[in-house]
């Protein structure tokens, strides 16, 4: 049976300030929705490869730092930045009329 993508409303852009993030639980999956300082939005799995959550981490440029393991994750790609190795899952995000949608496959 084919798997279909589902687009889920997760909030409004006006509920975020640049440099903020929020955890959203979707279908038994915790996702960090992140608003960078330039106002762009990204969605990543809310778990670093070492097991900590990332949503409470410090946002800097295009990355978020896991406060539990001090690893920096590029929110655009999900890749951990040096010296750490690994990655977290990213999710497509769309903004339509001020509403934020994340697509899960």
PDB file of N, CA and C in Angstrom:
ATOM      1  N   UNK A   1       0.847  -1.168   0.000  1.00  0.00           N
ATOM      2  CA  UNK A   1       0.000   0.000   0.000  1.00  0.00           C
ATOM      3  C   UNK A   1       0.901   1.243   0.000  1.00  0.00           C
ATOM      4  N   UNK A   2       0.687   2.160  -0.915  1.00  0.00           N
ATOM      5  CA  UNK A   2       1.552   3.346  -0.998  1.00  0.00           C
ATOM      6  C   UNK A   2       1.345   4.283   0.190  1.00  0.00           C
ATOM      7  N   UNK A   3       2.433   4.939   0.563  1.00  0.00           N
ATOM      8  CA  UNK A   3       2.380   5.909   1.650  1.00  0.00           C
ATOM      9  C   UNK A   3       2.185   7.288   1.036  1.00  0.00           C
ATOM     10  N   UNK A   4       1.265   8.047   1.583  1.00  0.00           N
ATOM     11  CA  UNK A   4       0.988   9.380   1.070  1.00  0.00           C
ATOM     12  C   UNK A   4       1.532  10.423   2.027  1.00  0.00           C
ATOM     13  N   UNK A   5       1.972  11.510   1.468  1.00  0.00           N
ATOM     14  CA  UNK A   5       2.437  12.623   2.293  1.00  0.00           C
ATOM     15  C   UNK A   5       1.224  13.343   2.876  1.00  0.00           C
ATOM     16  N   UNK A   6       1.404  13.867   4.078  1.00  0.00           N
ATOM     17  CA  UNK A   6       0.333  14.618   4.709  1.00  0.00           C
ATOM     18  C   UNK A   6       0.888  15.974   5.134  1.00  0.00           C
ATOM     19  N   UNK A   7       0.147  17.003   4.803  1.00  0.00           N
ATOM     20  CA  UNK A   7       0.531  18.380   5.117  1.00  0.00           C
ATOM     21  C   UNK A   7      -0.277  18.811   6.340  1.00  0.00           C
ATOM     22  N   UNK A   8       0.450  19.201   7.414  1.00  0.00           N
ATOM     23  CA  UNK A   8      -0.202  19.477   8.688  1.00  0.00           C
ATOM     24  C   UNK A   8       0.053  20.913   9.128  1.00  0.00           C
ATOM     25  N   UNK A   9      -1.026  21.594   9.494  1.00  0.00           N
ATOM     26  CA  UNK A   9      -0.924  22.964  10.009  1.00  0.00           C
ATOM     27  C   UNK A   9      -0.309  22.900  11.406  1.00  0.00           C
ATOM     28  N   UNK A  10       0.794  23.669  11.645  1.00  0.00           N
ATOM     29  CA  UNK A  10       1.488  23.600  12.932  1.00  0.00           C
ATOM     30  C   UNK A  10       1.543  24.943  13.665  1.00  0.00           C
ATOM     31  N   UNK A  11       0.987  25.981  13.087  1.00  0.00           N
ATOM     32  CA  UNK A  11       0.995  27.274  13.772  1.00  0.00           C
ATOM     33  C   UNK A  11       0.897  28.436  12.808  1.00  0.00           C
ATOM     34  N   UNK A  12       1.066  29.622  13.382  1.00  0.00           N
ATOM     35  CA  UNK A  12       1.021  30.849  12.583  1.00  0.00           C
ATOM     36  C   UNK A  12       2.369  31.551  12.692  1.00  0.00           C
ATOM     37  N   UNK A  13       2.773  32.192  11.630  1.00  0.00           N
ATOM     38  CA  UNK A  13       4.061  32.894  11.644  1.00  0.00           C
ATOM     39  C   UNK A  13       4.100  33.969  12.711  1.00  0.00           C
ATOM     40  N   UNK A  14       2.979  34.611  12.993  1.00  0.00           N
ATOM     41  CA  UNK A  14       2.946  35.681  13.987  1.00  0.00           C
ATOM     42  C   UNK A  14       3.158  35.168  15.409  1.00  0.00           C
ATOM     43  N   UNK A  15       3.083  33.857  15.616  1.00  0.00           N
ATOM     44  CA  UNK A  15       3.316  33.275  16.935  1.00  0.00           C
ATOM     45  C   UNK A  15       4.802  33.053  17.221  1.00  0.00           C
ATOM     46  N   UNK A  16       5.645  33.293  16.230  1.00  0.00           N
ATOM     47  CA  UNK A  16       7.084  33.099  16.366  1.00  0.00           C
ATOM     48  C   UNK A  16       7.790  34.447  16.245  1.00  0.00           C
ATOM     49  N   UNK A  17       8.841  34.606  17.018  1.00  0.00           N
ATOM     50  CA  UNK A  17       9.721  35.756  16.831  1.00  0.00           C
ATOM     51  C   UNK A  17      10.993  35.229  16.192  1.00  0.00           C
ATOM     52  N   UNK A  18      11.683  36.049  15.404  1.00  0.00           N
ATOM     53  CA  UNK A  18      12.940  35.584  14.824  1.00  0.00           C
ATOM     54  C   UNK A  18      13.892  35.095  15.920  1.00  0.00           C
ATOM     55  N   UNK A  19      14.491  33.934  15.677  1.00  0.00           N
ATOM     56  CA  UNK A  19      15.395  33.342  16.651  1.00  0.00           C
ATOM     57  C   UNK A  19      14.698  32.475  17.683  1.00  0.00           C
ATOM     58  N   UNK A  20      13.459  32.064  17.400  1.00  0.00           N
ATOM     59  CA  UNK A  20      12.723  31.234  18.354  1.00  0.00           C
ATOM     60  C   UNK A  20      12.404  29.868  17.749  1.00  0.00           C
ATOM     61  N   UNK A  21      12.010  28.940  18.621  1.00  0.00           N
ATOM     62  CA  UNK A  21      11.631  27.603  18.171  1.00  0.00           C
ATOM     63  C   UNK A  21      10.541  27.061  19.084  1.00  0.00           C
ATOM     64  N   UNK A  22       9.860  26.051  18.602  1.00  0.00           N
ATOM     65  CA  UNK A  22       8.764  25.449  19.356  1.00  0.00           C
ATOM     66  C   UNK A  22       8.664  23.975  18.961  1.00  0.00           C
ATOM     67  N   UNK A  23       8.409  23.120  19.943  1.00  0.00           N
ATOM     68  CA  UNK A  23       8.210  21.692  19.668  1.00  0.00           C
ATOM     69  C   UNK A  23       6.752  21.450  19.332  1.00  0.00           C
ATOM     70  N   UNK A  24       6.524  20.680  18.303  1.00  0.00           N
ATOM     71  CA  UNK A  24       5.188  20.285  17.873  1.00  0.00           C
ATOM     72  C   UNK A  24       5.178  18.763  17.805  1.00  0.00           C
ATOM     73  N   UNK A  25       4.217  18.131  18.451  1.00  0.00           N
ATOM     74  CA  UNK A  25       4.110  16.677  18.397  1.00  0.00           C
ATOM     75  C   UNK A  25       3.114  16.298  17.311  1.00  0.00           C
ATOM     76  N   UNK A  26       3.608  15.558  16.318  1.00  0.00           N
ATOM     77  CA  UNK A  26       2.790  15.142  15.185  1.00  0.00           C
ATOM     78  C   UNK A  26       2.917  13.637  14.982  1.00  0.00           C
ATOM     79  N   UNK A  27       1.804  12.952  15.044  1.00  0.00           N
ATOM     80  CA  UNK A  27       1.781  11.518  14.752  1.00  0.00           C
ATOM     81  C   UNK A  27       2.895  10.769  15.481  1.00  0.00           C
ATOM     82  N   UNK A  28       3.028  10.963  16.764  1.00  0.00           N
ATOM     83  CA  UNK A  28       4.022  10.331  17.632  1.00  0.00           C
ATOM     84  C   UNK A  28       5.455  10.718  17.278  1.00  0.00           C
ATOM     85  N   UNK A  29       5.627  11.895  16.725  1.00  0.00           N
ATOM     86  CA  UNK A  29       6.943  12.404  16.346  1.00  0.00           C
ATOM     87  C   UNK A  29       7.055  13.834  16.835  1.00  0.00           C
ATOM     88  N   UNK A  30       8.134  14.150  17.531  1.00  0.00           N
ATOM     89  CA  UNK A  30       8.346  15.515  17.994  1.00  0.00           C
ATOM     90  C   UNK A  30       9.182  16.261  16.955  1.00  0.00           C
ATOM     91  N   UNK A  31       8.665  17.393  16.503  1.00  0.00           N
ATOM     92  CA  UNK A  31       9.322  18.202  15.479  1.00  0.00           C
ATOM     93  C   UNK A  31       9.601  19.580  16.052  1.00  0.00           C
ATOM     94  N   UNK A  32      10.815  20.072  15.810  1.00  0.00           N
ATOM     95  CA  UNK A  32      11.169  21.431  16.205  1.00  0.00           C
ATOM     96  C   UNK A  32      10.916  22.341  15.014  1.00  0.00           C
ATOM     97  N   UNK A  33      10.008  23.300  15.184  1.00  0.00           N
ATOM     98  CA  UNK A  33       9.773  24.327  14.170  1.00  0.00           C
ATOM     99  C   UNK A  33      10.606  25.533  14.592  1.00  0.00           C
ATOM    100  N   UNK A  34      11.474  25.984  13.702  1.00  0.00           N
ATOM    101  CA  UNK A  34      12.468  27.000  14.037  1.00  0.00           C
ATOM    102  C   UNK A  34      12.310  28.198  13.120  1.00  0.00           C
ATOM    103  N   UNK A  35      12.281  29.374  13.709  1.00  0.00           N
ATOM    104  CA  UNK A  35      12.259  30.626  12.951  1.00  0.00           C
ATOM    105  C   UNK A  35      13.637  31.273  13.123  1.00  0.00           C
ATOM    106  N   UNK A  36      14.398  31.328  12.052  1.00  0.00           N
ATOM    107  CA  UNK A  36      15.733  31.925  12.106  1.00  0.00           C
ATOM    108  C   UNK A  36      15.638  33.443  12.210  1.00  0.00           C
ATOM    109  N   UNK A  37      16.761  34.054  12.503  1.00  0.00           N
ATOM    110  CA  UNK A  37      16.779  35.514  12.680  1.00  0.00           C
ATOM    111  C   UNK A  37      16.384  36.256  11.403  1.00  0.00           C
ATOM    112  N   UNK A  38      16.527  35.617  10.238  1.00  0.00           N
ATOM    113  CA  UNK A  38      16.125  36.264   8.984  1.00  0.00           C
ATOM    114  C   UNK A  38      14.638  36.052   8.672  1.00  0.00           C
ATOM    115  N   UNK A  39      13.919  35.376   9.594  1.00  0.00           N
ATOM    116  CA  UNK A  39      12.481  35.161   9.412  1.00  0.00           C
ATOM    117  C   UNK A  39      12.114  33.911   8.644  1.00  0.00           C
ATOM    118  N   UNK A  40      13.094  33.122   8.196  1.00  0.00           N
ATOM    119  CA  UNK A  40      12.786  31.881   7.486  1.00  0.00           C
ATOM    120  C   UNK A  40      12.483  30.779   8.494  1.00  0.00           C
ATOM    121  N   UNK A  41      11.636  29.845   8.086  1.00  0.00           N
ATOM    122  CA  UNK A  41      11.217  28.744   8.956  1.00  0.00           C
ATOM    123  C   UNK A  41      11.801  27.427   8.463  1.00  0.00           C
ATOM    124  N   UNK A  42      12.115  26.562   9.435  1.00  0.00           N
ATOM    125  CA  UNK A  42      12.634  25.225   9.146  1.00  0.00           C
ATOM    126  C   UNK A  42      12.025  24.255  10.147  1.00  0.00           C
ATOM    127  N   UNK A  43      11.968  22.984   9.763  1.00  0.00           N
ATOM    128  CA  UNK A  43      11.440  21.945  10.652  1.00  0.00           C
ATOM    129  C   UNK A  43      12.405  20.771  10.650  1.00  0.00           C
ATOM    130  N   UNK A  44      12.793  20.351  11.866  1.00  0.00           N
ATOM    131  CA  UNK A  44      13.692  19.207  12.017  1.00  0.00           C
ATOM    132  C   UNK A  44      13.158  18.310  13.127  1.00  0.00           C
ATOM    133  N   UNK A  45      13.624  17.062  13.117  1.00  0.00           N
ATOM    134  CA  UNK A  45      13.274  16.146  14.195  1.00  0.00           C
ATOM    135  C   UNK A  45      13.819  16.739  15.491  1.00  0.00           C
ATOM    136  N   UNK A  46      13.026  16.767  16.521  1.00  0.00           N
ATOM    137  CA  UNK A  46      13.393  17.394  17.792  1.00  0.00           C
ATOM    138  C   UNK A  46      14.232  16.446  18.651  1.00  0.00           C
ATOM    139  N   UNK A  47      15.248  15.863  18.062  1.00  0.00           N
ATOM    140  CA  UNK A  47      16.118  14.955  18.781  1.00  0.00           C
ATOM    141  C   UNK A  47      17.481  14.959  18.103  1.00  0.00           C
ATOM    142  N   UNK A  48      18.523  15.247  18.875  1.00  0.00           N
ATOM    143  CA  UNK A  48      19.867  15.176  18.299  1.00  0.00           C
ATOM    144  C   UNK A  48      20.268  13.707  18.207  1.00  0.00           C
ATOM    145  N   UNK A  49      21.258  13.364  17.396  1.00  0.00           N
ATOM    146  CA  UNK A  49      21.659  11.958  17.255  1.00  0.00           C
ATOM    147  C   UNK A  49      22.135  11.323  18.561  1.00  0.00           C
ATOM    148  N   UNK A  50      22.455  12.143  19.571  1.00  0.00           N
ATOM    149  CA  UNK A  50      22.928  11.625  20.859  1.00  0.00           C
ATOM    150  C   UNK A  50      21.791  11.470  21.864  1.00  0.00           C
ATOM    151  N   UNK A  51      20.560  11.814  21.471  1.00  0.00           N
ATOM    152  CA  UNK A  51      19.400  11.543  22.298  1.00  0.00           C
ATOM    153  C   UNK A  51      18.725  12.732  22.954  1.00  0.00           C
ATOM    154  N   UNK A  52      19.332  13.904  22.945  1.00  0.00           N
ATOM    155  CA  UNK A  52      18.714  15.074  23.576  1.00  0.00           C
ATOM    156  C   UNK A  52      17.744  15.785  22.651  1.00  0.00           C
ATOM    157  N   UNK A  53      16.839  16.560  23.240  1.00  0.00           N
ATOM    158  CA  UNK A  53      15.957  17.385  22.418  1.00  0.00           C
ATOM    159  C   UNK A  53      16.709  18.644  22.008  1.00  0.00           C
ATOM    160  N   UNK A  54      16.321  19.230  20.891  1.00  0.00           N
ATOM    161  CA  UNK A  54      17.034  20.405  20.381  1.00  0.00           C
ATOM    162  C   UNK A  54      16.233  21.692  20.489  1.00  0.00           C
ATOM    163  N   UNK A  55      14.942  21.607  20.727  1.00  0.00           N
ATOM    164  CA  UNK A  55      14.079  22.778  20.654  1.00  0.00           C
ATOM    165  C   UNK A  55      14.485  23.877  21.645  1.00  0.00           C
ATOM    166  N   UNK A  56      15.076  23.508  22.748  1.00  0.00           N
ATOM    167  CA  UNK A  56      15.475  24.526  23.728  1.00  0.00           C
ATOM    168  C   UNK A  56      16.882  25.058  23.481  1.00  0.00           C
ATOM    169  N   UNK A  57      17.501  24.611  22.405  1.00  0.00           N
ATOM    170  CA  UNK A  57      18.864  25.028  22.103  1.00  0.00           C
ATOM    171  C   UNK A  57      18.960  26.462  21.612  1.00  0.00           C
ATOM    172  N   UNK A  58      20.183  26.972  21.620  1.00  0.00           N
ATOM    173  CA  UNK A  58      20.448  28.325  21.147  1.00  0.00           C
ATOM    174  C   UNK A  58      20.491  28.339  19.617  1.00  0.00           C
ATOM    175  N   UNK A  59      19.776  29.298  19.026  1.00  0.00           N
ATOM    176  CA  UNK A  59      19.747  29.443  17.574  1.00  0.00           C
ATOM    177  C   UNK A  59      20.783  30.483  17.180  1.00  0.00           C
ATOM    178  N   UNK A  60      21.648  30.106  16.241  1.00  0.00           N
ATOM    179  CA  UNK A  60      22.701  30.996  15.776  1.00  0.00           C
ATOM    180  C   UNK A  60      22.867  30.814  14.275  1.00  0.00           C
ATOM    181  N   UNK A  61      22.771  31.899  13.525  1.00  0.00           N
ATOM    182  CA  UNK A  61      22.849  31.835  12.054  1.00  0.00           C
ATOM    183  C   UNK A  61      21.838  30.822  11.525  1.00  0.00           C
ATOM    184  N   UNK A  62      22.329  29.738  10.914  1.00  0.00           N
ATOM    185  CA  UNK A  62      21.452  28.710  10.335  1.00  0.00           C
ATOM    186  C   UNK A  62      21.519  27.415  11.127  1.00  0.00           C
ATOM    187  N   UNK A  63      21.830  27.517  12.416  1.00  0.00           N
ATOM    188  CA  UNK A  63      21.969  26.299  13.206  1.00  0.00           C
ATOM    189  C   UNK A  63      21.321  26.452  14.577  1.00  0.00           C
ATOM    190  N   UNK A  64      21.113  25.300  15.205  1.00  0.00           N
ATOM    191  CA  UNK A  64      20.630  25.253  16.579  1.00  0.00           C
ATOM    192  C   UNK A  64      21.585  24.340  17.341  1.00  0.00           C
ATOM    193  N   UNK A  65      21.886  24.709  18.580  1.00  0.00           N
ATOM    194  CA  UNK A  65      22.844  23.955  19.376  1.00  0.00           C
ATOM    195  C   UNK A  65      22.101  23.149  20.432  1.00  0.00           C
ATOM    196  N   UNK A  66      22.296  21.838  20.427  1.00  0.00           N
ATOM    197  CA  UNK A  66      21.703  20.956  21.432  1.00  0.00           C
ATOM    198  C   UNK A  66      22.376  21.264  22.765  1.00  0.00           C
ATOM    199  N   UNK A  67      21.597  21.707  23.736  1.00  0.00           N
ATOM    200  CA  UNK A  67      22.163  22.079  25.030  1.00  0.00           C
ATOM    201  C   UNK A  67      22.634  20.869  25.833  1.00  0.00           C
ATOM    202  N   UNK A  68      22.119  19.690  25.525  1.00  0.00           N
ATOM    203  CA  UNK A  68      22.523  18.480  26.251  1.00  0.00           C
ATOM    204  C   UNK A  68      23.873  17.940  25.800  1.00  0.00           C
ATOM    205  N   UNK A  69      24.192  18.102  24.518  1.00  0.00           N
ATOM    206  CA  UNK A  69      25.396  17.481  23.967  1.00  0.00           C
ATOM    207  C   UNK A  69      26.312  18.467  23.255  1.00  0.00           C
ATOM    208  N   UNK A  70      25.955  19.748  23.267  1.00  0.00           N
ATOM    209  CA  UNK A  70      26.777  20.791  22.668  1.00  0.00           C
ATOM    210  C   UNK A  70      27.087  20.530  21.194  1.00  0.00           C
ATOM    211  N   UNK A  71      26.138  19.899  20.489  1.00  0.00           N
ATOM    212  CA  UNK A  71      26.351  19.698  19.058  1.00  0.00           C
ATOM    213  C   UNK A  71      25.501  20.712  18.291  1.00  0.00           C
ATOM    214  N   UNK A  72      26.064  21.201  17.197  1.00  0.00           N
ATOM    215  CA  UNK A  72      25.423  22.219  16.373  1.00  0.00           C
ATOM    216  C   UNK A  72      24.828  21.547  15.139  1.00  0.00           C
ATOM    217  N   UNK A  73      23.536  21.818  14.903  1.00  0.00           N
ATOM    218  CA  UNK A  73      22.812  21.203  13.788  1.00  0.00           C
ATOM    219  C   UNK A  73      22.422  22.289  12.804  1.00  0.00           C
ATOM    220  N   UNK A  74      22.783  22.110  11.538  1.00  0.00           N
ATOM    221  CA  UNK A  74      22.359  23.023  10.480  1.00  0.00           C
ATOM    222  C   UNK A  74      20.885  22.735  10.207  1.00  0.00           C
ATOM    223  N   UNK A  75      19.998  23.678  10.511  1.00  0.00           N
ATOM    224  CA  UNK A  75      18.559  23.422  10.392  1.00  0.00           C
ATOM    225  C   UNK A  75      18.105  23.345   8.942  1.00  0.00           C
ATOM    226  N   UNK A  76      18.933  23.818   8.008  1.00  0.00           N
ATOM    227  CA  UNK A  76      18.564  23.737   6.589  1.00  0.00           C
ATOM    228  C   UNK A  76      18.773  22.343   6.032  1.00  0.00           C
ATOM    229  N   UNK A  77      19.801  21.636   6.535  1.00  0.00           N
ATOM    230  CA  UNK A  77      20.160  20.322   5.991  1.00  0.00           C
ATOM    231  C   UNK A  77      19.984  19.183   6.985  1.00  0.00           C
ATOM    232  N   UNK A  78      19.958  19.502   8.286  1.00  0.00           N
ATOM    233  CA  UNK A  78      19.898  18.480   9.317  1.00  0.00           C
ATOM    234  C   UNK A  78      21.251  17.916   9.698  1.00  0.00           C
ATOM    235  N   UNK A  79      22.312  18.328   9.019  1.00  0.00           N
ATOM    236  CA  UNK A  79      23.652  17.800   9.288  1.00  0.00           C
ATOM    237  C   UNK A  79      24.264  18.444  10.524  1.00  0.00           C
ATOM    238  N   UNK A  80      24.969  17.624  11.314  1.00  0.00           N
ATOM    239  CA  UNK A  80      25.725  18.136  12.439  1.00  0.00           C
ATOM    240  C   UNK A  80      26.991  18.787  11.914  1.00  0.00           C
ATOM    241  N   UNK A  81      27.371  19.884  12.538  1.00  0.00           N
ATOM    242  CA  UNK A  81      28.558  20.614  12.118  1.00  0.00           C
ATOM    243  C   UNK A  81      29.745  20.182  12.974  1.00  0.00           C
ATOM    244  N   UNK A  82      30.929  20.291  12.418  1.00  0.00           N
ATOM    245  CA  UNK A  82      32.172  19.851  13.038  1.00  0.00           C
ATOM    246  C   UNK A  82      32.275  20.347  14.474  1.00  0.00           C
ATOM    247  N   UNK A  83      32.794  19.563  15.377  1.00  0.00           N
ATOM    248  CA  UNK A  83      33.489  18.283  15.185  1.00  0.00           C
ATOM    249  C   UNK A  83      32.569  17.064  15.224  1.00  0.00           C
ATOM    250  N   UNK A  84      31.276  17.250  15.402  1.00  0.00           N
ATOM    251  CA  UNK A  84      30.346  16.124  15.485  1.00  0.00           C
ATOM    252  C   UNK A  84      29.997  15.597  14.093  1.00  0.00           C
ATOM    253  N   UNK A  85      29.590  14.345  14.057  1.00  0.00           N
ATOM    254  CA  UNK A  85      29.203  13.698  12.801  1.00  0.00           C
ATOM    255  C   UNK A  85      27.812  13.109  12.980  1.00  0.00           C
ATOM    256  N   UNK A  86      26.973  13.281  11.976  1.00  0.00           N
ATOM    257  CA  UNK A  86      25.628  12.722  12.005  1.00  0.00           C
ATOM    258  C   UNK A  86      24.639  13.701  11.418  1.00  0.00           C
ATOM    259  N   UNK A  87      23.384  13.366  11.528  1.00  0.00           N
ATOM    260  CA  UNK A  87      22.345  14.265  11.035  1.00  0.00           C
ATOM    261  C   UNK A  87      21.010  13.915  11.659  1.00  0.00           C
ATOM    262  N   UNK A  88      20.095  14.873  11.578  1.00  0.00           N
ATOM    263  CA  UNK A  88      18.724  14.671  12.014  1.00  0.00           C
ATOM    264  C   UNK A  88      17.819  14.860  10.799  1.00  0.00           C
ATOM    265  N   UNK A  89      16.648  14.281  10.873  1.00  0.00           N
ATOM    266  CA  UNK A  89      15.708  14.376   9.761  1.00  0.00           C
ATOM    267  C   UNK A  89      15.143  15.789   9.661  1.00  0.00           C
ATOM    268  N   UNK A  90      15.026  16.269   8.451  1.00  0.00           N
ATOM    269  CA  UNK A  90      14.381  17.558   8.189  1.00  0.00           C
ATOM    270  C   UNK A  90      13.042  17.288   7.513  1.00  0.00           C
ATOM    271  N   UNK A  91      12.150  18.269   7.598  1.00  0.00           N
ATOM    272  CA  UNK A  91      10.818  18.124   7.013  1.00  0.00           C
ATOM    273  C   UNK A  91      10.499  19.346   6.178  1.00  0.00           C
ATOM    274  N   UNK A  92       9.846  19.138   5.024  1.00  0.00           N
ATOM    275  CA  UNK A  92       9.441  20.288   4.212  1.00  0.00           C
ATOM    276  C   UNK A  92       8.483  21.176   4.992  1.00  0.00           C
ATOM    277  N   UNK A  93       8.662  22.472   4.847  1.00  0.00           N
ATOM    278  CA  UNK A  93       7.813  23.436   5.539  1.00  0.00           C
ATOM    279  C   UNK A  93       7.333  24.454   4.523  1.00  0.00           C
ATOM    280  N   UNK A  94       6.083  24.857   4.639  1.00  0.00           N
ATOM    281  CA  UNK A  94       5.502  25.848   3.733  1.00  0.00           C
ATOM    282  C   UNK A  94       4.771  26.901   4.548  1.00  0.00           C
ATOM    283  N   UNK A  95       4.811  28.116   4.033  1.00  0.00           N
ATOM    284  CA  UNK A  95       4.072  29.221   4.638  1.00  0.00           C
ATOM    285  C   UNK A  95       3.025  29.662   3.629  1.00  0.00           C
ATOM    286  N   UNK A  96       1.767  29.677   4.054  1.00  0.00           N
ATOM    287  CA  UNK A  96       0.671  30.115   3.189  1.00  0.00           C
ATOM    288  C   UNK A  96      -0.222  31.058   3.976  1.00  0.00           C
ATOM    289  N   UNK A  97      -0.294  32.291   3.549  1.00  0.00           N
ATOM    290  CA  UNK A  97      -1.149  33.301   4.203  1.00  0.00           C
ATOM    291  C   UNK A  97      -0.902  33.379   5.712  1.00  0.00           C
ATOM    292  N   UNK A  98       0.378  33.315   6.103  1.00  0.00           N
ATOM    293  CA  UNK A  98       0.730  33.425   7.508  1.00  0.00           C
ATOM    294  C   UNK A  98       0.582  32.152   8.310  1.00  0.00           C
ATOM    295  N   UNK A  99       0.181  31.064   7.664  1.00  0.00           N
ATOM    296  CA  UNK A  99       0.044  29.769   8.346  1.00  0.00           C
ATOM    297  C   UNK A  99       1.231  28.882   7.997  1.00  0.00           C
ATOM    298  N   UNK A 100       1.694  28.109   8.985  1.00  0.00           N
ATOM    299  CA  UNK A 100       2.859  27.240   8.815  1.00  0.00           C
ATOM    300  C   UNK A 100       2.379  25.809   8.668  1.00  0.00           C
ATOM    301  N   UNK A 101       2.884  25.128   7.636  1.00  0.00           N
ATOM    302  CA  UNK A 101       2.545  23.731   7.378  1.00  0.00           C
ATOM    303  C   UNK A 101       3.821  22.900   7.277  1.00  0.00           C
ATOM    304  N   UNK A 102       3.811  21.725   7.889  1.00  0.00           N
ATOM    305  CA  UNK A 102       4.906  20.763   7.787  1.00  0.00           C
ATOM    306  C   UNK A 102       4.358  19.551   7.038  1.00  0.00           C
ATOM    307  N   UNK A 103       5.155  19.014   6.111  1.00  0.00           N
ATOM    308  CA  UNK A 103       4.739  17.831   5.357  1.00  0.00           C
ATOM    309  C   UNK A 103       5.465  16.611   5.891  1.00  0.00           C
ATOM    310  N   UNK A 104       4.707  15.587   6.243  1.00  0.00           N
ATOM    311  CA  UNK A 104       5.246  14.308   6.687  1.00  0.00           C
ATOM    312  C   UNK A 104       4.969  13.257   5.614  1.00  0.00           C
ATOM    313  N   UNK A 105       5.947  12.410   5.378  1.00  0.00           N
ATOM    314  CA  UNK A 105       5.775  11.344   4.383  1.00  0.00           C
ATOM    315  C   UNK A 105       5.800  10.005   5.047  1.00  0.00           C
TER     316      UNK A 105
END
